[in-house]
Protein backbone atom coordinates (compact mmCIF):
# COMPACT_ATOMS: atom_id res chain seq x y z
CA MET A 1 -60.02 10.97 -41.75
CA LYS A 2 -59.44 8.16 -39.79
CA VAL A 3 -62.58 7.13 -37.49
CA LEU A 4 -62.97 3.93 -35.26
CA ALA A 5 -66.74 3.26 -35.11
CA ALA A 6 -67.84 2.00 -31.73
CA MET A 7 -70.19 -0.76 -31.87
CA SER A 8 -72.34 -1.97 -29.77
CA GLY A 9 -74.48 -4.31 -31.28
CA GLY A 10 -77.37 -1.57 -31.34
CA VAL A 11 -79.11 -0.09 -34.14
CA ASP A 12 -78.05 3.77 -33.47
CA SER A 13 -74.64 2.72 -33.15
CA ALA A 14 -74.53 0.54 -36.66
CA VAL A 15 -76.25 3.66 -38.11
CA ALA A 16 -73.64 5.96 -37.10
CA ALA A 17 -70.66 3.48 -38.53
CA ALA A 18 -72.62 3.92 -41.88
CA ARG A 19 -72.69 7.32 -42.00
CA ALA A 20 -69.34 7.49 -41.19
CA VAL A 21 -68.25 5.45 -44.15
CA GLU A 22 -70.53 7.04 -46.27
CA ALA A 23 -68.96 10.57 -45.62
CA GLY A 24 -66.01 9.07 -47.11
CA HIS A 25 -63.84 7.89 -43.89
CA ASP A 26 -61.64 5.80 -43.38
CA VAL A 27 -63.51 3.42 -40.99
CA VAL A 28 -62.84 0.65 -38.60
CA GLY A 29 -65.19 -0.87 -36.42
CA VAL A 30 -64.62 -2.34 -32.96
CA HIS A 31 -66.83 -3.86 -30.18
CA LEU A 32 -65.94 -3.80 -26.45
CA ALA A 33 -66.05 -6.96 -24.93
CA LEU A 34 -66.79 -5.53 -20.96
CA SER A 35 -68.32 -8.69 -19.32
CA ARG A 36 -66.69 -11.07 -17.30
CA MET A 37 -69.66 -13.98 -18.63
CA PRO A 38 -68.51 -13.49 -22.34
CA GLY A 39 -70.96 -16.69 -22.94
CA THR A 40 -74.11 -14.44 -21.40
CA LEU A 41 -77.15 -13.98 -23.98
CA ARG A 42 -79.22 -10.57 -24.00
CA THR A 43 -82.97 -11.35 -22.45
CA GLY A 44 -85.37 -9.32 -24.73
CA SER A 45 -84.20 -5.05 -24.08
CA ARG A 46 -82.49 -5.78 -20.85
CA GLY A 47 -78.87 -5.44 -20.60
CA CYS A 48 -76.01 -5.10 -23.46
CA CYS A 49 -72.42 -6.04 -24.21
CA THR A 50 -73.44 -9.72 -24.67
CA ILE A 51 -72.11 -12.43 -27.72
CA GLU A 52 -75.33 -11.76 -28.95
CA ASP A 53 -74.72 -8.14 -28.93
CA ALA A 54 -71.19 -8.89 -30.33
CA MET A 55 -72.60 -10.71 -33.18
CA ASP A 56 -75.15 -7.88 -34.22
CA ALA A 57 -72.42 -5.71 -34.31
CA ARG A 58 -69.53 -8.44 -35.94
CA ARG A 59 -72.67 -8.74 -39.17
CA ALA A 60 -73.49 -4.98 -39.31
CA ALA A 61 -69.92 -4.46 -39.98
CA ASN A 62 -69.71 -7.00 -42.48
CA LEU A 63 -72.54 -6.10 -44.24
CA LEU A 64 -70.76 -2.18 -44.33
CA GLY A 65 -67.31 -3.78 -46.14
CA ILE A 66 -65.76 -2.34 -43.32
CA PRO A 67 -62.49 -4.39 -40.92
CA PHE A 68 -63.87 -5.37 -37.34
CA TYR A 69 -62.55 -6.33 -34.06
CA VAL A 70 -63.41 -6.87 -30.77
CA TRP A 71 -60.89 -5.43 -27.45
CA ASP A 72 -61.45 -7.00 -24.29
CA LEU A 73 -61.84 -4.19 -21.96
CA SER A 74 -63.72 -6.33 -19.10
CA GLU A 75 -61.17 -6.25 -16.66
CA ARG A 76 -60.95 -2.24 -16.86
CA PHE A 77 -65.02 -2.70 -16.76
CA LYS A 78 -64.83 -4.39 -13.70
CA GLU A 79 -62.37 -2.08 -11.89
CA ASP A 80 -63.45 1.34 -13.25
CA VAL A 81 -67.58 0.46 -13.44
CA VAL A 82 -68.47 -2.26 -11.59
CA ASP A 83 -65.79 -1.86 -8.59
CA ASP A 84 -66.82 1.75 -8.51
CA PHE A 85 -70.62 1.18 -8.52
CA ILE A 86 -69.92 -1.56 -5.47
CA ALA A 87 -68.06 1.09 -3.42
CA GLU A 88 -70.66 4.22 -4.10
CA TYR A 89 -73.17 2.01 -2.32
CA ALA A 90 -71.24 0.78 0.43
CA ALA A 91 -70.45 4.44 0.53
CA GLY A 92 -74.30 5.42 0.90
CA ARG A 93 -74.10 6.86 -2.55
CA THR A 94 -76.81 5.88 -5.38
CA PRO A 95 -74.00 6.20 -8.64
CA ASN A 96 -74.42 6.41 -12.18
CA PRO A 97 -72.68 2.97 -13.93
CA CYS A 98 -73.29 4.90 -17.42
CA MET A 99 -71.75 7.63 -16.70
CA ARG A 100 -68.82 6.05 -15.11
CA CYS A 101 -68.28 3.98 -18.21
CA ASN A 102 -68.29 6.78 -20.95
CA GLU A 103 -65.99 8.54 -18.30
CA LYS A 104 -63.21 5.45 -17.59
CA ILE A 105 -64.13 3.10 -20.64
CA LYS A 106 -65.89 4.28 -23.79
CA PHE A 107 -64.32 8.15 -23.87
CA ALA A 108 -60.63 7.20 -22.03
CA ALA A 109 -59.63 3.47 -22.68
CA LEU A 110 -61.41 3.40 -26.05
CA LEU A 111 -60.21 6.71 -27.09
CA ASP A 112 -56.93 6.38 -25.53
CA LYS A 113 -56.31 3.33 -27.48
CA ALA A 114 -57.88 4.89 -30.75
CA VAL A 115 -55.16 8.00 -31.03
CA ALA A 116 -52.18 5.66 -30.04
CA LEU A 117 -53.29 3.73 -33.06
CA GLY A 118 -53.70 6.93 -35.12
CA PHE A 119 -57.20 7.56 -35.55
CA ASP A 120 -58.69 10.95 -36.07
CA ALA A 121 -62.30 10.36 -33.42
CA VAL A 122 -64.23 7.92 -32.49
CA ALA A 123 -67.76 7.65 -33.59
CA THR A 124 -70.31 6.41 -31.50
CA GLY A 125 -74.18 6.24 -31.88
CA HIS A 126 -75.15 9.03 -29.06
CA TYR A 127 -77.73 11.57 -29.73
CA ALA A 128 -75.70 14.77 -29.41
CA SER A 129 -74.03 17.27 -30.84
CA LEU A 130 -70.33 18.84 -31.78
CA VAL A 131 -69.86 22.66 -32.28
CA ASP A 132 -66.70 23.88 -32.82
CA GLY A 133 -66.58 27.31 -31.08
CA ALA A 134 -64.18 30.75 -30.57
CA ARG A 135 -62.52 28.57 -27.30
CA GLY A 136 -62.55 24.94 -28.95
CA ARG A 137 -65.10 22.54 -29.72
CA GLU A 138 -67.92 21.79 -27.70
CA LEU A 139 -70.67 19.34 -26.76
CA HIS A 140 -74.65 20.57 -27.18
CA ARG A 141 -77.67 18.70 -26.91
CA ALA A 142 -78.84 16.68 -30.14
CA SER A 143 -81.46 18.43 -32.59
CA ALA A 144 -84.62 16.52 -31.06
CA TRP A 145 -84.39 16.67 -27.00
CA ALA A 146 -86.64 13.66 -26.36
CA LYS A 147 -83.79 12.14 -27.52
CA ASP A 148 -80.79 14.17 -25.94
CA GLN A 149 -78.21 12.07 -24.67
CA SER A 150 -76.03 15.22 -23.89
CA TYR A 151 -76.35 14.17 -19.97
CA VAL A 152 -74.46 11.37 -19.98
CA LEU A 153 -72.18 12.78 -22.33
CA GLY A 154 -71.63 15.47 -19.56
CA VAL A 155 -68.13 13.66 -18.18
CA LEU A 156 -66.29 14.35 -21.27
CA THR A 157 -63.39 16.55 -21.32
CA GLU A 158 -62.20 19.14 -23.79
CA ARG A 159 -59.31 16.82 -25.09
CA GLN A 160 -62.16 13.81 -25.29
CA LEU A 161 -64.63 16.15 -27.76
CA ALA A 162 -61.83 17.07 -29.88
CA HIS A 163 -61.88 13.73 -31.04
CA CYS A 164 -65.13 12.45 -30.69
CA TYR A 165 -67.71 11.88 -33.76
CA PHE A 166 -71.35 11.96 -33.30
CA PRO A 167 -73.14 11.40 -36.58
CA LEU A 168 -76.83 11.26 -35.09
CA GLY A 169 -76.93 14.42 -33.58
CA ASP A 170 -79.39 15.88 -35.84
CA THR A 171 -81.40 12.97 -36.41
CA PRO A 172 -84.99 14.05 -35.14
CA SER A 173 -86.02 10.72 -34.10
CA LYS A 174 -85.03 6.94 -33.26
CA GLU A 175 -87.93 6.05 -36.03
CA LEU A 176 -85.86 7.47 -38.56
CA ILE A 177 -82.83 5.98 -37.42
CA ARG A 178 -84.71 2.50 -37.34
CA ALA A 179 -86.45 2.97 -41.17
CA GLU A 180 -82.51 4.13 -42.51
CA ALA A 181 -80.96 1.01 -41.02
CA ALA A 182 -83.63 -1.04 -42.38
CA GLU A 183 -83.28 0.64 -45.97
CA ARG A 184 -79.55 -0.25 -45.43
CA GLY A 185 -80.23 -3.89 -44.34
CA LEU A 186 -78.75 -3.99 -41.51
CA GLN A 187 -80.71 -6.86 -39.47
CA VAL A 188 -80.59 -4.40 -35.76
CA ALA A 189 -83.20 -2.21 -37.30
CA GLN A 190 -86.08 -3.57 -34.65
CA LYS A 191 -83.77 -4.57 -32.46
CA PRO A 192 -84.82 -3.12 -28.97
CA ASP A 193 -83.25 -0.83 -27.03
CA SER A 194 -80.81 -1.70 -23.98
CA HIS A 195 -82.03 -1.00 -21.10
CA ASP A 196 -81.51 -1.07 -17.01
CA ILE A 197 -77.55 -1.36 -16.03
CA CYS A 198 -75.50 -3.58 -18.23
CA PHE A 199 -73.86 -5.61 -15.60
CA ILE A 200 -77.41 -6.20 -13.44
CA PRO A 201 -79.58 -7.56 -16.63
CA ASP A 202 -82.37 -8.84 -14.20
CA GLY A 203 -83.01 -5.08 -13.03
CA ASP A 204 -82.38 -6.39 -9.41
CA THR A 205 -80.30 -3.93 -8.50
CA ARG A 206 -81.10 -4.64 -4.59
CA GLY A 207 -80.38 -8.16 -4.78
CA TRP A 208 -77.22 -7.89 -6.64
CA LEU A 209 -75.56 -5.78 -4.32
CA SER A 210 -76.76 -8.26 -1.48
CA GLY A 211 -74.35 -10.55 -3.37
CA HIS A 212 -71.68 -7.90 -2.88
CA VAL A 213 -71.96 -5.71 -0.33
CA GLU A 214 -71.92 -6.98 3.19
CA ARG A 215 -75.50 -6.54 4.89
CA GLU A 216 -75.29 -4.91 8.40
CA PRO A 217 -78.41 -4.22 10.14
CA GLY A 218 -79.07 -0.74 11.56
CA GLU A 219 -81.26 1.80 12.96
CA ILE A 220 -84.33 3.59 10.71
CA LEU A 221 -85.07 7.04 12.06
CA ASP A 222 -87.33 10.09 11.72
CA GLU A 223 -86.17 13.57 11.56
CA SER A 224 -86.16 14.05 15.04
CA GLY A 225 -83.94 11.28 15.53
CA GLU A 226 -86.54 9.07 17.44
CA VAL A 227 -85.92 5.26 16.05
CA VAL A 228 -88.64 4.49 14.02
CA GLY A 229 -87.60 0.87 12.87
CA ARG A 230 -84.68 -1.33 11.53
CA HIS A 231 -83.09 -2.04 8.10
CA ASP A 232 -81.05 -4.95 6.84
CA GLY A 233 -78.47 -3.02 5.10
CA ALA A 234 -78.77 0.67 4.22
CA HIS A 235 -77.57 -0.11 0.72
CA GLY A 236 -80.54 -1.23 -0.14
CA TYR A 237 -82.17 2.01 0.15
CA THR A 238 -82.06 5.30 -2.19
CA VAL A 239 -83.75 8.60 -1.44
CA GLY A 240 -87.01 8.80 -2.35
CA GLN A 241 -87.94 5.69 -1.74
CA ARG A 242 -91.09 4.69 -0.02
CA ARG A 243 -92.05 1.22 -0.27
CA GLY A 244 -90.24 -1.70 1.43
CA LEU A 245 -89.37 0.33 4.43
CA GLN A 246 -91.03 -1.95 6.90
CA LEU A 247 -91.66 0.98 9.08
CA GLY A 248 -92.44 0.07 13.05
CA ARG A 249 -94.87 2.44 13.65
CA PRO A 250 -96.68 5.46 11.09
CA ALA A 251 -95.90 8.78 11.36
CA PRO A 252 -97.99 11.23 13.56
CA ASP A 253 -100.10 12.71 10.86
CA GLY A 254 -100.31 9.11 9.24
CA LYS A 255 -99.15 9.82 5.49
CA PRO A 256 -96.54 8.01 4.19
CA ARG A 257 -92.95 8.24 4.59
CA TYR A 258 -89.48 8.49 1.65
CA VAL A 259 -85.78 8.04 2.79
CA LEU A 260 -84.83 11.46 3.03
CA SER A 261 -80.90 10.09 3.49
CA ILE A 262 -78.79 7.62 4.22
CA ARG A 263 -75.45 7.82 7.01
CA PRO A 264 -72.92 5.34 5.80
CA VAL A 265 -70.28 6.13 8.80
CA SER A 266 -73.12 5.40 11.47
CA ASN A 267 -74.57 2.77 9.12
CA GLN A 268 -78.57 4.76 9.55
CA VAL A 269 -81.34 5.84 7.47
CA VAL A 270 -83.38 8.53 7.91
CA VAL A 271 -87.39 9.00 6.66
CA GLY A 272 -89.53 11.32 6.60
CA PRO A 273 -92.31 13.48 4.90
CA ARG A 274 -92.77 13.88 0.98
CA GLU A 275 -91.73 17.69 1.46
CA SER A 276 -88.84 17.12 3.44
CA LEU A 277 -86.96 15.61 -0.35
CA ALA A 278 -87.67 19.28 -1.53
CA ILE A 279 -83.81 20.19 -2.30
CA SER A 280 -82.99 24.04 -3.09
CA ARG A 281 -79.31 23.62 -3.12
CA ILE A 282 -76.66 21.07 -4.30
CA ALA A 283 -73.06 20.75 -4.36
CA GLY A 284 -70.16 18.42 -4.86
CA GLY A 285 -66.87 17.25 -6.38
CA ARG A 286 -65.46 15.05 -8.95
CA PHE A 287 -66.59 17.71 -11.73
CA SER A 288 -64.95 18.43 -15.02
CA TRP A 289 -65.61 21.43 -17.83
CA ALA A 290 -66.71 19.93 -21.03
CA GLY A 291 -64.34 22.15 -22.79
CA GLU A 292 -63.00 26.16 -22.21
CA PRO A 293 -66.28 28.22 -19.87
CA GLY A 294 -64.96 31.24 -21.24
CA PHE A 295 -65.44 32.97 -18.08
CA ASP A 296 -64.84 32.89 -14.43
CA THR A 297 -66.44 29.88 -12.70
CA GLY A 298 -65.92 31.12 -9.15
CA GLU A 299 -68.38 33.53 -9.70
CA ALA A 300 -71.86 32.81 -9.82
CA PHE A 301 -73.29 32.40 -13.14
CA ASP A 302 -76.68 31.74 -14.54
CA CYS A 303 -77.05 27.85 -15.98
CA GLU A 304 -79.51 25.04 -16.36
CA VAL A 305 -78.73 22.27 -14.20
CA GLN A 306 -80.14 18.36 -14.44
CA ILE A 307 -79.64 16.03 -12.39
CA ARG A 308 -81.30 12.53 -14.05
CA ALA A 309 -80.95 11.41 -17.69
CA HIS A 310 -84.61 11.98 -18.20
CA ALA A 311 -85.29 14.61 -16.14
CA ASP A 312 -86.08 18.23 -17.08
CA PRO A 313 -83.14 21.18 -17.29
CA VAL A 314 -84.20 23.55 -14.25
CA PRO A 315 -82.68 27.25 -14.47
CA ALA A 316 -79.93 27.47 -11.37
CA THR A 317 -77.07 29.79 -10.62
CA ALA A 318 -73.67 27.88 -10.00
CA ARG A 319 -70.33 28.69 -8.75
CA LEU A 320 -67.18 26.66 -7.89
CA ALA A 321 -66.23 27.16 -4.18
CA PRO A 322 -63.50 25.82 -1.72
CA ILE A 323 -65.50 22.97 0.59
CA LEU A 324 -65.42 25.06 3.77
CA ASP A 325 -65.07 22.87 6.73
CA GLU A 326 -68.71 23.38 8.34
CA ASP A 327 -69.72 22.12 4.90
CA ARG A 328 -67.87 19.05 4.46
CA THR A 329 -70.44 15.57 4.78
CA GLU A 330 -70.11 12.00 4.96
CA GLN A 331 -70.52 12.03 1.36
CA HIS A 332 -67.57 14.35 0.55
CA ARG A 333 -64.27 12.56 -0.55
CA ALA A 334 -61.55 13.16 1.94
CA ASP A 335 -58.92 14.77 -0.69
CA ALA A 336 -61.69 16.90 -2.21
CA THR A 337 -60.70 20.49 -1.39
CA HIS A 338 -63.14 22.65 -4.01
CA GLU A 339 -67.24 21.35 -5.27
CA VAL A 340 -69.81 22.73 -7.59
CA VAL A 341 -72.30 24.97 -5.32
CA VAL A 342 -75.90 25.16 -7.35
CA ASP A 343 -79.06 27.60 -5.92
CA ILE A 344 -82.26 26.45 -7.75
CA ASP A 345 -83.91 29.41 -8.73
CA ARG A 346 -86.78 29.54 -6.63
CA ASP A 347 -88.46 31.99 -8.92
CA ARG A 348 -88.70 30.23 -11.83
CA ALA A 349 -88.71 26.69 -10.80
CA GLU A 350 -90.13 24.26 -8.08
CA PRO A 351 -87.32 22.45 -5.47
CA LEU A 352 -85.87 19.78 -7.11
CA SER A 353 -86.53 16.20 -5.45
CA GLY A 354 -85.57 13.08 -4.06
CA VAL A 355 -81.92 14.51 -5.01
CA ALA A 356 -79.49 11.59 -3.80
CA PRO A 357 -75.63 11.76 -2.79
CA GLY A 358 -73.82 10.50 -5.85
CA GLN A 359 -76.15 11.60 -8.62
CA THR A 360 -74.52 13.24 -11.38
CA ALA A 361 -75.55 16.74 -12.11
CA VAL A 362 -75.12 18.11 -15.78
CA LEU A 363 -74.82 22.03 -16.24
CA TYR A 364 -76.29 23.76 -19.79
CA ILE A 365 -76.05 27.08 -20.65
CA GLY A 366 -78.41 27.12 -23.66
CA THR A 367 -77.81 23.80 -25.76
CA ARG A 368 -74.29 23.62 -24.39
CA VAL A 369 -73.37 21.40 -21.77
CA LEU A 370 -70.65 23.37 -19.89
CA GLY A 371 -69.80 20.55 -17.24
CA GLN A 372 -70.61 17.75 -14.70
CA PHE A 373 -70.03 16.85 -10.85
CA THR A 374 -71.24 14.34 -8.26
CA ILE A 375 -73.70 15.21 -5.85
CA ASP A 376 -72.61 15.36 -2.61
CA ARG A 377 -74.82 16.89 -0.32
CA ALA A 378 -78.21 18.78 -0.89
CA LEU A 379 -80.16 21.14 1.27
CA ALA A 380 -83.77 21.29 1.96
CA ALA A 381 -86.00 23.83 0.40
CA GLU A 382 -87.24 26.46 2.51
CA PRO A 383 -90.82 27.24 2.63
CA ALA A 384 -92.26 29.20 0.17
CA ALA A 385 -93.37 32.81 1.39
CA ALA A 386 -97.15 33.46 1.30
CA GLU A 387 -98.10 36.02 -1.07
C-alpha cells in the first residue's frame, strides 16, 4: 500500500510512520506548514506547526529512510480554521479549531491531494481504530480510552475513512510509544506534547481575539432580564465562565454567578446560578456521519454523546429532525434545515454542564463513532422529581 505519513514533528506521528514502514508499505513523509509565521519557534509544549516541528519531522523521516516533503497549506489553514475561529467567536459561539483542522485540512485538503497523487492512505499518529464492517469502514475508539482521540476525528466521513490509516490505535499507552520511539532512535521520544490552540501558543485566547474581533461594550443581564453589569466585548466570555465577570451587584442569595448564554444580535451576556448550567437537551446542525449508520436516523435511537475531547460519554437518545421555526435561535445558520436533537437519559446520567453553542457533540454507539454535529442550542434540565 502506498502511504502518505503526516508527520507533525511529534512522537506519535513519527512512530506511526515507523510502523507503516515496518509493515512493508511504500511510505512518504509530509509535514504541513500551517503557520503564517514560518520562523516561529515552539515554547515548551505550547503550540505546534513551528519550524522546530518541521525540522523534527525531517530528522525522523531521514532516520526512517523515507522521502520527505513540506506542503504549504498556510493559506487554506487561515481561511478554513483561523478565519472560521474568528467568525464563530464574533457570532457568540465557542468553536473547536482542532475539529475544523481535522475536517478541512488534515482529512480534506491533505487527503484529497494524497489521493490525487496516487496514495492509498494517509497515516497519522491519532489514537483511534478502524474496523471494516458490513456496511463499510467504521471509526472506533482506541484500545486505551485514556488516550483515545476518536472525538476529534468525529468529523470524518465515510469517503475519508476509506483512506485513513491509524497505526497507533491498538497501543495501550503513550509511555509505550515513547519507549518505542527511543528504541528506534527517534530524537522526539521525550518531546512534550503540544497543547493549547496552535495559532495562539501563549494560551491567551481572549487577548488574541481582542486583536481580531472588534470590541463592542454591552449589557450583562440576569435570568430575569435585569442589568447587573457591563462587558467590553461579548466575545471575551464563554458559557460556564465564573471569573472576570465584574458584575455591578451581587446575586440576591450571595452565590456566584456564571455565564449562561451569549446573545450576539443584542450583544448581551446572560448570567445566573450554577444550577442553570445544567442541560438536558442539545441540538445543532453542521452534522456528518462517520460511515453508513445502518438505520433510520430520523427515528430516535440510543447512543452516547460526548461534548469535549476529554469528557466522559453520556447515555442519550438522538434523532435527525427538521428545524422548527419556534426552535430556531440566533445560533442557527440561516441555511440550516435539519438538526440532530439529543436528549440526555436522566435515568442513567446527570445533565450536561456548561454547554456552549459552537461546541462539537460526537455520537457513539458502543465504541463506534456514529457522527457529529455543532451545537446550536441547549435546553436547561428540569429539576429531578423528588422520590
